[in-house]
C-alpha atoms as a PDB file:
ATOM      1  CA  MET A   1    -206.526 104.739 -80.070  1.00  0.00           C
ATOM      2  CA  HIS A   2    -203.686 104.828 -81.978  1.00  0.00           C
ATOM      3  CA  ILE A   3    -200.771 102.283 -80.940  1.00  0.00           C
ATOM      4  CA  ASP A   4    -197.311 102.810 -81.735  1.00  0.00           C
ATOM      5  CA  LYS A   5    -195.883  99.239 -81.409  1.00  0.00           C
ATOM      6  CA  GLU A   6    -197.423  96.168 -81.114  1.00  0.00           C
ATOM      7  CA  ILE A   7    -196.211  92.272 -79.844  1.00  0.00           C
ATOM      8  CA  ASP A   8    -197.584  88.949 -80.293  1.00  0.00           C
ATOM      9  CA  THR A   9    -196.725  86.872 -77.282  1.00  0.00           C
ATOM     10  CA  LYS A  10    -200.017  84.246 -78.169  1.00  0.00           C
ATOM     11  CA  GLY A  11    -198.909  80.996 -76.894  1.00  0.00           C
ATOM     12  CA  LEU A  12    -196.503  81.857 -74.757  1.00  0.00           C
ATOM     13  CA  ASN A  13    -196.448  81.573 -70.488  1.00  0.00           C
ATOM     14  CA  CYS A  14    -195.401  83.682 -67.882  1.00  0.00           C
ATOM     15  CA  PRO A  15    -193.101  85.294 -67.418  1.00  0.00           C
ATOM     16  CA  LEU A  16    -191.822  85.443 -71.008  1.00  0.00           C
ATOM     17  CA  PRO A  17    -194.931  87.890 -71.922  1.00  0.00           C
ATOM     18  CA  ILE A  18    -193.860  90.329 -69.485  1.00  0.00           C
ATOM     19  CA  LEU A  19    -190.535  90.339 -70.680  1.00  0.00           C
ATOM     20  CA  ARG A  20    -191.446  91.030 -74.153  1.00  0.00           C
ATOM     21  CA  ALA A  21    -193.111  94.033 -73.033  1.00  0.00           C
ATOM     22  CA  LYS A  22    -190.181  95.386 -70.738  1.00  0.00           C
ATOM     23  CA  LYS A  23    -187.697  95.001 -73.655  1.00  0.00           C
ATOM     24  CA  ALA A  24    -189.834  96.582 -76.522  1.00  0.00           C
ATOM     25  CA  LEU A  25    -190.741  99.627 -74.115  1.00  0.00           C
ATOM     26  CA  THR A  26    -187.027 100.047 -73.516  1.00  0.00           C
ATOM     27  CA  ASP A  27    -187.218 101.380 -77.329  1.00  0.00           C
ATOM     28  CA  MET A  28    -190.185 103.616 -76.829  1.00  0.00           C
ATOM     29  CA  LEU A  29    -190.521 106.898 -76.087  1.00  0.00           C
ATOM     30  CA  THR A  30    -192.629 108.605 -73.744  1.00  0.00           C
ATOM     31  CA  GLY A  31    -196.515 108.322 -74.084  1.00  0.00           C
ATOM     32  CA  GLN A  32    -196.326 106.052 -76.648  1.00  0.00           C
ATOM     33  CA  LEU A  33    -198.911 102.650 -76.525  1.00  0.00           C
ATOM     34  CA  LEU A  34    -197.986  98.926 -76.542  1.00  0.00           C
ATOM     35  CA  LYS A  35    -200.452  96.752 -77.850  1.00  0.00           C
ATOM     36  CA  VAL A  36    -199.459  92.655 -75.799  1.00  0.00           C
ATOM     37  CA  VAL A  37    -201.745  90.118 -77.565  1.00  0.00           C
ATOM     38  CA  ALA A  38    -201.340  87.035 -75.096  1.00  0.00           C
ATOM     39  CA  THR A  39    -203.108  83.827 -74.472  1.00  0.00           C
ATOM     40  CA  ASP A  40    -201.926  83.162 -70.960  1.00  0.00           C
ATOM     41  CA  PRO A  41    -204.881  83.840 -68.771  1.00  0.00           C
ATOM     42  CA  GLY A  42    -202.242  84.791 -65.923  1.00  0.00           C
ATOM     43  CA  SER A  43    -201.309  87.519 -67.828  1.00  0.00           C
ATOM     44  CA  VAL A  44    -204.117  90.039 -67.124  1.00  0.00           C
ATOM     45  CA  ARG A  45    -202.557  89.668 -63.382  1.00  0.00           C
ATOM     46  CA  ASP A  46    -199.123  89.824 -64.300  1.00  0.00           C
ATOM     47  CA  PHE A  47    -199.853  92.824 -66.579  1.00  0.00           C
ATOM     48  CA  GLN A  48    -201.147  94.710 -63.728  1.00  0.00           C
ATOM     49  CA  ALA A  49    -198.436  94.016 -61.142  1.00  0.00           C
ATOM     50  CA  PHE A  50    -196.393  95.091 -64.010  1.00  0.00           C
ATOM     51  CA  ALA A  51    -197.679  98.609 -64.456  1.00  0.00           C
ATOM     52  CA  ARG A  52    -197.465  99.124 -60.509  1.00  0.00           C
ATOM     53  CA  GLN A  53    -194.036  97.913 -60.019  1.00  0.00           C
ATOM     54  CA  THR A  54    -192.516 100.166 -63.141  1.00  0.00           C
ATOM     55  CA  GLY A  55    -194.799 103.092 -63.252  1.00  0.00           C
ATOM     56  CA  ASN A  56    -195.682 102.246 -66.919  1.00  0.00           C
ATOM     57  CA  GLU A  57    -199.994 102.894 -67.341  1.00  0.00           C
ATOM     58  CA  LEU A  58    -201.982  99.896 -67.792  1.00  0.00           C
ATOM     59  CA  VAL A  59    -204.403 101.939 -70.556  1.00  0.00           C
ATOM     60  CA  GLU A  60    -206.256  98.869 -71.119  1.00  0.00           C
ATOM     61  CA  GLN A  61    -207.150  95.156 -70.940  1.00  0.00           C
ATOM     62  CA  GLN A  62    -209.304  93.099 -73.174  1.00  0.00           C
ATOM     63  CA  GLN A  63    -210.559  89.747 -73.546  1.00  0.00           C
ATOM     64  CA  LEU A  64    -211.648  88.559 -77.157  1.00  0.00           C
ATOM     65  CA  GLY A  65    -211.670  85.254 -77.409  1.00  0.00           C
ATOM     66  CA  ASP A  66    -208.719  83.118 -76.595  1.00  0.00           C
ATOM     67  CA  GLU A  67    -207.114  85.998 -76.959  1.00  0.00           C
ATOM     68  CA  ILE A  68    -206.276  89.032 -74.252  1.00  0.00           C
ATOM     69  CA  VAL A  69    -205.028  92.977 -75.239  1.00  0.00           C
ATOM     70  CA  HIS A  70    -202.983  94.724 -72.904  1.00  0.00           C
ATOM     71  CA  ILE A  71    -201.878  98.125 -73.500  1.00  0.00           C
ATOM     72  CA  LEU A  72    -199.318 100.039 -71.577  1.00  0.00           C
ATOM     73  CA  ARG A  73    -198.304 103.580 -72.197  1.00  0.00           C
ATOM     74  CA  ARG A  74    -194.641 103.943 -72.047  1.00  0.00           C
ATOM     75  CA  ARG A  75    -194.075 106.350 -68.942  1.00  0.00           C
END
């Protein structure tokens, strides 16, 4: 999977990971992939809701130790 942009939101709590992702997505083209690395357990449901509300596709969510990786496709 080719990631076009990656942001690190480790140590940040809601709503900062979502706000950083939203800002990153505005600079991206349709179809590009954004990888967000977070540590906030609440980010799992936050990113699910964010994808539903914005129309961006939540391609993958994965727990890797203490980190949660979210991959979004820009609408």
